[in-house]
Protein backbone atom coordinates (compact mmCIF):
# COMPACT_ATOMS: atom_id res chain seq x y z
CA UNK A 1 234.74 -29.44 139.08
CA UNK A 2 235.60 -32.43 141.21
CA UNK A 3 235.26 -31.70 144.91
CA UNK A 4 235.96 -33.49 148.18
CA UNK A 5 233.65 -32.61 151.09
CA UNK A 6 234.74 -33.63 154.57
CA UNK A 7 233.18 -33.41 158.03
CA UNK A 8 232.90 -35.42 161.24
CA UNK A 9 230.18 -34.96 163.82
CA UNK A 10 226.53 -35.71 164.49
CA UNK A 11 223.61 -35.58 162.05
CA UNK A 12 223.50 -31.81 162.52
CA UNK A 13 227.01 -31.53 161.07
CA UNK A 14 226.62 -33.95 158.17
CA UNK A 15 223.09 -33.40 156.90
CA UNK A 16 223.46 -29.74 155.84
CA UNK A 17 226.70 -30.57 154.04
CA UNK A 18 224.88 -33.39 152.23
CA UNK A 19 222.37 -30.80 150.99
CA UNK A 20 225.15 -28.55 149.73
CA UNK A 21 226.78 -31.52 147.98
CA UNK A 22 223.43 -32.44 146.42
CA UNK A 23 223.12 -28.91 145.07
CA UNK A 24 226.65 -29.03 143.66
CA UNK A 25 225.88 -32.31 141.90
CA UNK A 26 222.68 -30.82 140.44
CA UNK A 27 224.81 -27.95 139.12
CA UNK A 28 226.99 -30.41 137.21
CA UNK A 29 229.88 -30.91 139.62
CA UNK A 30 231.35 -34.17 140.92
CA UNK A 31 231.39 -34.45 144.70
CA UNK A 32 232.43 -37.12 147.19
CA UNK A 33 231.52 -36.77 150.86
CA UNK A 34 233.43 -38.27 153.78
CA UNK A 35 231.55 -38.24 157.10
CA UNK A 36 230.66 -40.31 160.17
CA UNK A 37 228.96 -43.54 159.12
CA UNK A 38 225.83 -43.14 161.24
CA UNK A 39 225.00 -39.75 159.68
CA UNK A 40 225.04 -40.75 156.01
CA UNK A 41 221.44 -41.91 155.53
CA UNK A 42 220.43 -38.68 153.79
CA UNK A 43 223.42 -39.01 151.45
CA UNK A 44 222.20 -42.48 150.51
CA UNK A 45 218.66 -41.24 149.97
CA UNK A 46 219.76 -38.35 147.74
CA UNK A 47 222.39 -40.29 145.82
CA UNK A 48 225.36 -38.25 147.05
CA UNK A 49 228.56 -40.32 146.63
CA UNK A 50 230.06 -40.90 150.04
CA UNK A 51 232.27 -42.98 152.28
CA UNK A 52 232.36 -43.41 156.04
CA UNK A 53 235.16 -42.02 158.15
CA UNK A 54 236.33 -44.34 160.89
CA UNK A 55 234.80 -43.86 164.34
CA UNK A 56 231.36 -43.88 165.92
CA UNK A 57 230.08 -40.45 166.94
CA UNK A 58 227.40 -41.95 169.19
CA UNK A 59 230.01 -43.77 171.26
CA UNK A 60 232.25 -40.70 171.22
CA UNK A 61 229.49 -38.42 172.54
CA UNK A 62 228.45 -40.91 175.22
CA UNK A 63 232.08 -41.20 176.33
CA UNK A 64 232.45 -37.43 176.47
CA UNK A 65 229.26 -36.97 178.46
CA UNK A 66 230.24 -39.71 180.90
CA UNK A 67 233.26 -37.59 181.88
CA UNK A 68 231.03 -34.72 182.95
CA UNK A 69 230.26 -31.30 181.54
CA UNK A 70 233.44 -29.57 182.67
CA UNK A 71 235.38 -27.96 179.83
CA UNK A 72 238.59 -29.67 180.92
CA UNK A 73 236.93 -33.11 180.71
CA UNK A 74 235.49 -32.29 177.28
CA UNK A 75 238.86 -31.03 176.06
CA UNK A 76 240.62 -34.19 177.19
CA UNK A 77 237.91 -36.31 175.61
CA UNK A 78 238.25 -34.51 172.29
CA UNK A 79 242.03 -34.90 172.48
CA UNK A 80 241.64 -38.67 172.91
CA UNK A 81 239.20 -38.75 169.97
CA UNK A 82 241.65 -36.84 167.79
CA UNK A 83 244.57 -39.05 168.79
CA UNK A 84 242.56 -42.15 167.95
CA UNK A 85 241.02 -41.09 164.62
CA UNK A 86 243.10 -38.35 162.95
CA UNK A 87 245.62 -40.81 161.42
CA UNK A 88 242.82 -42.83 159.79
CA UNK A 89 240.87 -39.75 158.69
CA UNK A 90 244.03 -38.32 157.13
CA UNK A 91 244.73 -41.49 155.14
CA UNK A 92 241.13 -41.67 153.91
CA UNK A 93 240.90 -38.00 153.00
CA UNK A 94 244.32 -37.89 151.34
CA UNK A 95 243.38 -40.79 149.06
CA UNK A 96 239.98 -39.25 148.26
CA UNK A 97 241.54 -35.87 147.40
CA UNK A 98 243.57 -37.29 144.51
CA UNK A 99 242.37 -35.72 141.26
CA UNK A 100 240.11 -33.20 143.01
CA UNK A 101 239.93 -29.49 142.22
CA UNK A 102 239.10 -28.26 145.74
CA UNK A 103 238.23 -29.35 149.28
CA UNK A 104 235.24 -28.34 151.43
CA UNK A 105 235.91 -29.03 155.09
CA UNK A 106 234.28 -28.56 158.49
CA UNK A 107 233.31 -30.18 161.77
CA UNK A 108 235.84 -32.12 163.83
CA UNK A 109 237.65 -33.13 160.64
CA UNK A 110 238.32 -29.52 159.55
CA UNK A 111 242.07 -29.61 160.26
CA UNK A 112 242.32 -32.88 158.34
CA UNK A 113 240.67 -31.29 155.32
CA UNK A 114 242.96 -28.28 155.52
CA UNK A 115 246.04 -30.51 155.68
CA UNK A 116 244.93 -32.67 152.75
CA UNK A 117 244.18 -29.59 150.62
CA UNK A 118 247.64 -28.23 151.43
CA UNK A 119 249.24 -31.59 150.60
CA UNK A 120 247.61 -31.69 147.17
CA UNK A 121 247.97 -27.95 146.48
CA UNK A 122 244.20 -27.47 146.34
CA UNK A 123 242.06 -24.47 147.26
CA UNK A 124 240.00 -25.08 150.39
CA UNK A 125 236.71 -23.62 151.60
CA UNK A 126 235.55 -23.95 155.19
CA UNK A 127 231.92 -24.87 155.86
CA UNK A 128 229.91 -24.61 159.04
CA UNK A 129 226.54 -24.20 160.72
CA UNK A 130 227.99 -22.22 163.64
CA UNK A 131 229.59 -18.76 163.34
CA UNK A 132 233.33 -19.21 163.81
CA UNK A 133 234.56 -15.98 162.21
CA UNK A 134 235.80 -13.39 164.73
CA UNK A 135 233.56 -10.36 165.17
CA UNK A 136 233.04 -7.54 167.62
CA UNK A 137 229.26 -8.12 167.44
CA UNK A 138 229.02 -11.13 169.78
CA UNK A 139 231.34 -13.56 171.58
CA UNK A 140 232.22 -17.04 170.35
CA UNK A 141 229.15 -19.33 170.42
CA UNK A 142 231.22 -21.83 172.41
CA UNK A 143 231.49 -19.50 175.40
CA UNK A 144 228.79 -18.61 177.95
CA UNK A 145 226.35 -15.89 176.90
CA UNK A 146 228.29 -12.91 178.22
CA UNK A 147 227.90 -9.24 177.36
CA UNK A 148 231.43 -8.15 176.46
CA UNK A 149 232.98 -5.07 174.85
CA UNK A 150 233.55 -5.47 171.12
CA UNK A 151 237.28 -6.05 171.41
CA UNK A 152 236.81 -8.85 173.92
CA UNK A 153 234.16 -10.41 171.69
CA UNK A 154 236.72 -10.67 168.89
CA UNK A 155 239.37 -11.95 171.28
CA UNK A 156 237.05 -14.73 172.45
CA UNK A 157 237.25 -16.33 168.99
CA UNK A 158 241.03 -16.33 169.10
CA UNK A 159 240.97 -18.01 172.50
CA UNK A 160 238.47 -20.69 171.42
CA UNK A 161 240.17 -21.36 168.08
CA UNK A 162 243.57 -21.66 169.75
CA UNK A 163 242.13 -24.07 172.33
CA UNK A 164 240.69 -26.28 169.59
CA UNK A 165 243.99 -26.18 167.68
CA UNK A 166 245.92 -27.20 170.80
CA UNK A 167 243.58 -30.18 171.16
CA UNK A 168 244.26 -31.39 167.62
CA UNK A 169 247.80 -30.09 167.05
CA UNK A 170 249.78 -33.16 168.10
CA UNK A 171 247.87 -35.79 166.05
CA UNK A 172 247.56 -33.42 163.08
CA UNK A 173 251.30 -32.78 163.06
CA UNK A 174 252.05 -36.50 163.41
CA UNK A 175 249.80 -37.20 160.43
CA UNK A 176 251.43 -34.35 158.46
CA UNK A 177 254.85 -35.86 159.08
CA UNK A 178 253.55 -39.22 157.85
CA UNK A 179 252.64 -37.45 154.59
CA UNK A 180 256.11 -35.87 154.37
CA UNK A 181 254.81 -32.42 155.34
CA UNK A 182 256.32 -30.00 157.87
CA UNK A 183 254.73 -29.47 161.27
CA UNK A 184 252.47 -26.48 161.86
CA UNK A 185 252.84 -24.25 164.90
CA UNK A 186 249.56 -22.37 164.41
CA UNK A 187 246.18 -22.96 162.77
CA UNK A 188 245.28 -21.89 159.25
CA UNK A 189 244.05 -18.35 158.64
CA UNK A 190 242.30 -16.33 155.95
CA UNK A 191 240.48 -19.17 154.22
CA UNK A 192 237.02 -18.49 152.77
CA UNK A 193 234.07 -19.66 154.87
CA UNK A 194 230.52 -20.55 153.93
CA UNK A 195 227.82 -20.87 156.58
CA UNK A 196 224.55 -22.77 156.20
CA UNK A 197 222.90 -20.18 158.45
CA UNK A 198 219.85 -18.04 157.78
CA UNK A 199 220.58 -14.30 157.62
CA UNK A 200 217.17 -13.84 159.29
CA UNK A 201 218.49 -15.68 162.36
CA UNK A 202 221.96 -14.17 162.21
CA UNK A 203 222.54 -11.12 159.98
CA UNK A 204 226.14 -11.06 158.66
CA UNK A 205 228.31 -9.04 161.07
CA UNK A 206 229.62 -5.92 159.32
CA UNK A 207 233.23 -6.68 160.25
CA UNK A 208 233.37 -10.12 158.61
CA UNK A 209 235.66 -10.54 155.57
CA UNK A 210 233.97 -10.48 152.17
CA UNK A 211 234.75 -14.16 151.58
CA UNK A 212 232.95 -15.25 154.76
CA UNK A 213 229.34 -15.63 153.71
CA UNK A 214 226.06 -16.51 155.41
CA UNK A 215 224.16 -18.42 152.71
CA UNK A 216 220.88 -19.43 154.33
CA UNK A 217 219.97 -22.87 155.63
CA UNK A 218 221.29 -25.81 153.64
CA UNK A 219 218.06 -27.78 153.67
CA UNK A 220 216.58 -30.81 151.97
CA UNK A 221 214.74 -30.50 148.66
CA UNK A 222 210.98 -31.02 148.84
CA UNK A 223 210.38 -34.74 148.42
CA UNK A 224 206.67 -35.06 149.13
CA UNK A 225 207.11 -36.87 152.45
CA UNK A 226 203.93 -38.29 153.90
CA UNK A 227 203.56 -39.48 157.52
CA UNK A 228 203.13 -43.22 158.05
CA UNK A 229 199.49 -44.20 158.66
CA UNK A 230 199.70 -44.33 162.46
CA UNK A 231 201.34 -40.91 162.67
CA UNK A 232 198.87 -39.46 160.18
CA UNK A 233 196.01 -40.82 162.26
CA UNK A 234 197.43 -39.14 165.37
CA UNK A 235 197.86 -35.83 163.54
CA UNK A 236 194.29 -36.01 162.26
CA UNK A 237 192.81 -36.90 165.66
CA UNK A 238 193.12 -33.46 167.27
CA UNK A 239 194.83 -30.07 167.37
CA UNK A 240 198.39 -29.60 166.17
CA UNK A 241 200.71 -31.35 168.66
CA UNK A 242 203.86 -30.24 170.46
CA UNK A 243 207.09 -31.77 169.17
CA UNK A 244 209.48 -32.81 171.96
CA UNK A 245 212.91 -34.15 171.08
CA UNK A 246 216.56 -33.54 171.89
CA UNK A 247 218.17 -35.38 168.98
CA UNK A 248 221.67 -36.67 169.70
CA UNK A 249 221.78 -35.21 173.21
CA UNK A 250 222.40 -37.76 175.93
CA UNK A 251 223.73 -37.87 179.46
CA UNK A 252 220.88 -35.89 181.04
CA UNK A 253 218.45 -37.47 183.49
CA UNK A 254 215.67 -38.63 181.17
CA UNK A 255 213.75 -40.03 184.16
CA UNK A 256 213.46 -36.49 185.48
CA UNK A 257 213.52 -34.24 182.41
CA UNK A 258 211.05 -35.98 180.10
CA UNK A 259 208.34 -36.70 182.72
CA UNK A 260 208.58 -33.09 183.99
CA UNK A 261 208.08 -31.72 180.48
CA UNK A 262 205.25 -34.13 179.65
CA UNK A 263 203.46 -33.28 182.90
CA UNK A 264 203.76 -29.55 182.15
CA UNK A 265 202.44 -30.06 178.61
CA UNK A 266 199.38 -32.10 179.59
CA UNK A 267 196.72 -32.26 178.26
CA UNK A 268 198.35 -31.07 175.02
CA UNK A 269 199.07 -33.73 172.42
CA UNK A 270 202.81 -34.51 172.16
CA UNK A 271 205.02 -36.07 169.50
CA UNK A 272 207.96 -37.48 171.45
CA UNK A 273 211.20 -38.28 169.65
CA UNK A 274 213.40 -40.12 172.21
CA UNK A 275 216.61 -39.74 170.18
CA UNK A 276 219.81 -40.95 171.78
CA UNK A 277 218.48 -40.37 175.30
CA UNK A 278 215.79 -43.05 175.01
CA UNK A 279 212.41 -43.29 176.70
CA UNK A 280 211.79 -42.93 180.44
CA UNK A 281 210.93 -46.13 182.28
CA UNK A 282 207.49 -44.96 183.45
CA UNK A 283 204.50 -45.54 181.14
CA UNK A 284 203.76 -42.60 178.86
CA UNK A 285 200.47 -40.70 179.09
CA UNK A 286 197.87 -41.39 176.39
CA UNK A 287 198.36 -37.93 174.87
CA UNK A 288 201.94 -38.85 173.84
CA UNK A 289 202.83 -40.45 170.50
CA UNK A 290 206.38 -41.78 170.11
CA UNK A 291 208.05 -41.25 166.74
CA UNK A 292 211.33 -42.23 165.15
CA UNK A 293 213.53 -40.00 162.98
CA UNK A 294 211.33 -37.87 160.70
CA UNK A 295 212.17 -35.02 158.30
CA UNK A 296 211.85 -31.83 160.32
CA UNK A 297 211.10 -29.79 157.20
CA UNK A 298 207.89 -31.76 156.65
CA UNK A 299 206.85 -32.47 160.24
CA UNK A 300 207.43 -29.17 162.05
CA UNK A 301 204.85 -27.13 160.06
CA UNK A 302 202.22 -29.58 161.39
CA UNK A 303 203.14 -28.78 165.02
CA UNK A 304 202.12 -26.00 167.41
CA UNK A 305 205.37 -25.78 169.39
CA UNK A 306 208.87 -27.27 169.00
CA UNK A 307 210.74 -28.19 172.19
CA UNK A 308 214.36 -28.96 171.31
CA UNK A 309 218.00 -28.68 172.34
CA UNK A 310 218.97 -25.74 170.15
CA UNK A 311 221.16 -27.45 167.57
CA UNK A 312 221.65 -25.30 164.48
CA UNK A 313 219.72 -27.60 162.14
CA UNK A 314 216.71 -28.11 164.41
CA UNK A 315 216.66 -24.39 165.23
CA UNK A 316 216.54 -23.45 161.56
CA UNK A 317 213.87 -26.01 160.71
CA UNK A 318 211.64 -24.87 163.58
CA UNK A 319 211.98 -21.22 162.56
CA UNK A 320 211.38 -21.89 158.88
CA UNK A 321 208.22 -23.80 159.84
CA UNK A 322 206.89 -20.61 161.42
CA UNK A 323 206.43 -22.30 164.80
CA UNK A 324 207.59 -21.03 168.23
CA UNK A 325 210.35 -22.88 170.06
CA UNK A 326 211.11 -23.76 173.64
CA UNK A 327 214.83 -24.49 173.88
CA UNK A 328 216.67 -26.53 176.49
CA UNK A 329 220.36 -26.25 175.52
CA UNK A 330 222.88 -28.77 176.80
CA UNK A 331 226.24 -27.95 175.26
CA UNK A 332 228.38 -25.96 172.82
CA UNK A 333 226.56 -23.57 170.45
CA UNK A 334 223.08 -24.56 171.65
CA UNK A 335 223.09 -21.74 174.21
CA UNK A 336 223.91 -19.31 171.41
CA UNK A 337 220.91 -20.39 169.31
CA UNK A 338 218.61 -20.41 172.34
CA UNK A 339 219.64 -16.82 172.99
CA UNK A 340 219.11 -15.85 169.34
CA UNK A 341 215.55 -17.21 169.34
CA UNK A 342 214.77 -15.45 172.60
CA UNK A 343 216.08 -12.15 171.22
CA UNK A 344 213.98 -12.62 168.07
CA UNK A 345 210.90 -13.10 170.26
CA UNK A 346 210.03 -16.57 168.95
CA UNK A 347 210.98 -18.44 172.13
CA UNK A 348 211.04 -17.82 175.89
CA UNK A 349 214.32 -17.67 177.77
CA UNK A 350 216.21 -20.97 177.62
CA UNK A 351 215.27 -23.74 180.03
CA UNK A 352 217.78 -25.61 182.18
CA UNK A 353 217.44 -29.38 182.67
CA UNK A 354 218.40 -28.78 186.29
CA UNK A 355 215.55 -26.33 186.98
CA UNK A 356 212.29 -27.84 185.79
CA UNK A 357 209.79 -26.95 188.50
CA UNK A 358 206.15 -26.77 187.43
CA UNK A 359 205.87 -22.98 187.77
CA UNK A 360 208.94 -22.32 185.63
CA UNK A 361 207.78 -24.72 182.93
CA UNK A 362 204.23 -23.34 182.89
CA UNK A 363 205.58 -19.81 182.52
CA UNK A 364 207.88 -20.78 179.62
CA UNK A 365 205.11 -22.63 177.79
CA UNK A 366 202.76 -19.69 178.27
CA UNK A 367 205.31 -17.33 176.65
CA UNK A 368 205.75 -19.72 173.72
CA UNK A 369 201.98 -19.91 173.20
CA UNK A 370 201.28 -16.18 173.38
CA UNK A 371 199.74 -14.61 170.29
CA UNK A 372 202.63 -12.18 169.81
CA UNK A 373 205.18 -15.02 170.01
CA UNK A 374 203.25 -16.97 167.41
CA UNK A 375 202.89 -14.00 165.09
CA UNK A 376 206.64 -13.31 165.20
CA UNK A 377 207.35 -16.99 164.51
CA UNK A 378 205.00 -16.96 161.51
CA UNK A 379 206.61 -13.79 160.15
CA UNK A 380 210.10 -15.24 160.59
CA UNK A 381 209.07 -18.45 158.82
CA UNK A 382 207.65 -16.52 155.88
CA UNK A 383 210.82 -14.48 155.57
CA UNK A 384 212.97 -17.62 155.59
CA UNK A 385 210.95 -19.33 152.84
CA UNK A 386 212.44 -16.97 150.24
CA UNK A 387 215.96 -18.15 151.10
CA UNK A 388 217.74 -20.75 149.00
CA UNK A 389 220.88 -21.37 150.98
CA UNK A 390 222.04 -24.25 148.77
CA UNK A 391 221.85 -22.13 145.61
CA UNK A 392 223.74 -19.29 147.31
CA UNK A 393 226.40 -21.72 148.55
CA UNK A 394 226.83 -23.35 145.13
CA UNK A 395 227.16 -19.95 143.45
CA UNK A 396 229.73 -18.83 146.04
CA UNK A 397 231.83 -21.97 145.54
CA UNK A 398 231.71 -21.58 141.76
CA UNK A 399 232.62 -17.89 141.97
CA UNK A 400 235.55 -18.56 144.29
CA UNK A 401 236.95 -21.47 142.30
CA UNK A 402 236.23 -20.41 138.71
CA UNK A 403 239.22 -18.02 138.32
CA UNK A 404 241.45 -20.90 139.39
């Protein structure tokens, strides 16, 4: 089969889809991936054919954050992003879909992928690392962690999905008309969905459709990564360190958040990944080693604690490593994953960047370092090692498309 895979977002959106594409190629299929240019390094490393969609997700996220955390500001920012990029994404994806047998689509480009599949008469499969399928079991991950009756849980997905559709509807319909297609009044329904989510972190809700499947984490193949000499020397020089990094999160007060965390962690050894936020201006303590991007699958098992933002990919890698987490969520589904880890007993309650007093931090770290927390994290990691999310995803795609 010849497949087009399409997404737009940060590394956490693109990298798992790269892994699924890599698995499809290994199974004998032809795949081309379209994604944000700054997130395609793994595709280059693994030899997955790809092209960059127009836009710069770093600049987009910084612009969104600069408008504040209010949902209205975020909605207007996303609307501006869609207005600016949907026409270009549609042209790129429509050209790439020629001669394909199916489309895999997700992220901020999902509606583009759905339109292109419709234009070419192709089957389409949704992909994601966040549960988007309505269920009575829990509310939409994009809403605050509320305890709602089952019916309201299901309704929350309708409300969120309709809000996202309203954000993209105008540019999507303009692009559809440019392709000679009729306008759509409502979003697509009843398409199959595959999730690169571990069933140990999120068991499939019993009321999901049969063609909505939780596969397991779409993770990188083992490639024998070895730390560079300076990092290896740091790892060898003492006990397993704490990993501290918030990935593509930005807009928080790094001059307050990072020093508060480092002070609470002292004298523990810390691997600090500045990510998009950058380093604080004050000199770092001698127990801190600054690292660049490193493969979580290889690094996290060498750590004693993972402090992160709660993105789906980082959450999965920390859990699979069998290491406790301490989560400081900033936006979107991160609060959902922080809550999941707390319920599983492998992390304390989520931290807030606005409440980082020494007592609160010391209490959270103490929970993460307790023997029972560690034992649950180890057990969860062992259970996740038997998963092969890529193989499950490839088999599901083949099963869905083979009758066609």
